Protein backbone atom coordinates (compact mmCIF):
# COMPACT_ATOMS: atom_id res chain seq x y z
CA GLN A 1 4.83 -34.11 -5.55
CA VAL A 2 5.41 -31.47 -8.22
CA GLN A 3 5.34 -27.73 -7.65
CA LEU A 4 5.41 -24.78 -10.03
CA VAL A 5 6.71 -21.53 -8.58
CA GLU A 6 6.38 -18.27 -10.48
CA SER A 7 8.32 -15.08 -9.99
CA GLY A 8 8.86 -11.76 -11.73
CA GLY A 9 5.50 -10.04 -11.58
CA GLY A 10 5.07 -6.46 -10.52
CA LEU A 11 3.95 -2.96 -11.42
CA VAL A 12 5.16 -1.36 -14.62
CA GLN A 13 4.16 1.60 -16.76
CA ALA A 14 2.62 1.13 -20.16
CA GLY A 15 5.32 0.42 -22.73
CA GLY A 16 7.54 -1.21 -20.14
CA SER A 17 8.79 -4.76 -19.81
CA LEU A 18 8.66 -7.60 -17.32
CA ARG A 19 10.07 -11.10 -17.31
CA LEU A 20 8.24 -13.91 -15.61
CA SER A 21 9.85 -17.16 -14.57
CA CYS A 22 8.31 -20.47 -13.55
CA ALA A 23 10.38 -23.26 -12.09
CA ALA A 24 9.05 -26.79 -11.72
CA SER A 25 10.40 -28.82 -8.85
CA GLY A 26 9.81 -32.16 -7.22
CA SER A 27 10.02 -35.73 -8.41
CA ILE A 28 9.99 -34.93 -12.12
CA PHE A 29 10.62 -37.48 -14.84
CA SER A 30 9.75 -35.29 -17.81
CA ILE A 31 7.77 -32.20 -18.78
CA ASN A 32 5.72 -31.91 -21.93
CA ALA A 33 3.99 -28.61 -22.69
CA MET A 34 4.52 -25.56 -20.48
CA GLY A 35 2.58 -22.37 -20.74
CA TRP A 36 1.29 -19.15 -19.31
CA TYR A 37 -2.32 -18.21 -18.66
CA ARG A 38 -3.76 -15.03 -17.22
CA GLN A 39 -6.89 -13.96 -15.45
CA ALA A 40 -8.04 -10.37 -15.19
CA PRO A 41 -10.60 -9.28 -12.59
CA GLY A 42 -14.09 -10.38 -13.59
CA LYS A 43 -12.83 -12.38 -16.56
CA GLN A 44 -12.15 -16.02 -17.28
CA ARG A 45 -8.66 -17.42 -17.26
CA GLU A 46 -7.21 -17.37 -20.78
CA LEU A 47 -4.26 -18.89 -22.54
CA VAL A 48 -1.44 -16.47 -23.27
CA VAL A 49 1.11 -18.80 -24.80
CA VAL A 50 2.20 -22.42 -24.70
CA ILE A 51 5.49 -24.07 -25.64
CA THR A 52 6.01 -27.78 -26.28
CA SER A 53 9.02 -29.77 -25.21
CA GLY A 54 10.25 -29.47 -28.78
CA GLY A 55 9.98 -25.69 -28.78
CA SER A 56 6.82 -25.17 -30.80
CA THR A 57 4.79 -22.20 -29.60
CA ASN A 58 1.24 -20.94 -29.81
CA TYR A 59 0.54 -17.32 -28.83
CA LYS A 60 -2.66 -15.46 -28.13
CA ASP A 61 -3.11 -13.02 -31.00
CA SER A 62 -3.05 -9.91 -28.82
CA VAL A 63 0.43 -10.68 -27.44
CA LYS A 64 2.12 -11.76 -30.67
CA GLY A 65 5.18 -9.65 -31.35
CA ARG A 66 5.28 -8.37 -27.77
CA PHE A 67 5.64 -11.49 -25.62
CA THR A 68 8.22 -14.23 -26.01
CA ILE A 69 8.15 -17.60 -24.29
CA SER A 70 11.24 -19.73 -23.77
CA ARG A 71 12.19 -22.72 -21.70
CA ASP A 72 15.28 -24.26 -20.19
CA ASN A 73 14.63 -27.98 -20.11
CA ALA A 74 17.71 -28.66 -18.00
CA LYS A 75 16.32 -26.36 -15.29
CA ASN A 76 12.65 -27.33 -15.76
CA THR A 77 11.95 -23.62 -16.12
CA VAL A 78 9.82 -21.57 -18.48
CA TYR A 79 10.12 -17.84 -19.03
CA LEU A 80 7.85 -15.16 -20.40
CA GLN A 81 9.45 -11.96 -21.65
CA MET A 82 6.78 -9.29 -21.91
CA ASN A 83 7.59 -6.12 -23.82
CA SER A 84 5.50 -3.12 -24.83
CA LEU A 85 3.09 -3.86 -22.02
CA LYS A 86 -0.39 -2.39 -22.15
CA PRO A 87 -2.90 -1.72 -19.36
CA GLU A 88 -5.06 -4.52 -20.80
CA ASP A 89 -2.25 -6.97 -19.99
CA THR A 90 -2.98 -6.42 -16.30
CA ALA A 91 -3.87 -9.77 -14.75
CA VAL A 92 -2.69 -12.57 -12.53
CA TYR A 93 -0.39 -14.73 -14.63
CA TYR A 94 -0.35 -18.46 -13.99
CA CYS A 95 2.21 -21.01 -15.05
CA ASN A 96 0.93 -24.36 -16.29
CA ALA A 97 2.73 -27.57 -17.16
CA ASP A 98 2.09 -31.18 -18.12
CA VAL A 99 4.44 -33.16 -15.92
CA ARG A 100 5.22 -36.82 -15.61
CA SER A 101 6.50 -37.54 -12.13
CA ARG A 102 8.85 -40.38 -11.27
CA SER A 103 6.00 -42.10 -9.45
CA TYR A 104 3.53 -42.38 -12.32
CA SER A 105 3.61 -43.39 -15.95
CA SER A 106 1.18 -40.74 -17.16
CA TYR A 107 1.30 -36.95 -17.32
CA ALA A 108 -0.62 -34.72 -14.93
CA ASN A 109 -1.42 -31.02 -15.27
CA TYR A 110 -0.11 -28.58 -12.69
CA TRP A 111 -0.65 -24.89 -11.94
CA GLY A 112 1.49 -22.34 -10.21
CA GLN A 113 0.13 -20.02 -7.56
CA GLY A 114 0.02 -17.01 -9.87
CA THR A 115 1.89 -13.73 -10.00
CA GLN A 116 0.31 -10.30 -10.36
CA VAL A 117 1.21 -8.13 -13.33
CA THR A 118 -0.11 -4.58 -13.23
CA VAL A 119 0.41 -2.16 -16.10
CA SER A 120 -0.39 1.47 -15.39
CA SER A 121 -1.40 3.91 -18.10
């Protein structure tokens, strides 16, 4: 069984910063892409940024230059540094990863439980 556990959400004023972390645990053989999604009230879940195992990234246009994703492959952990936060960044942020467990030969997609980020104006 594989689990993704996020941490680091909270309440911050506009212009402030937060750092999210997501640690994958369990019977992990390897992890391919890891990423962050978000869902604001009344809206669909959307991709914020994804990072491949090789370090290639793909950011949502509205967060480019403000958010930075990184990963520590040795710790099976992905981070999201969020700077210059805006009220429109308010959402539940979800970690996502393509993980191959030790029990199976193929990759499966996993989600974290989500962490709330609230940016006040």
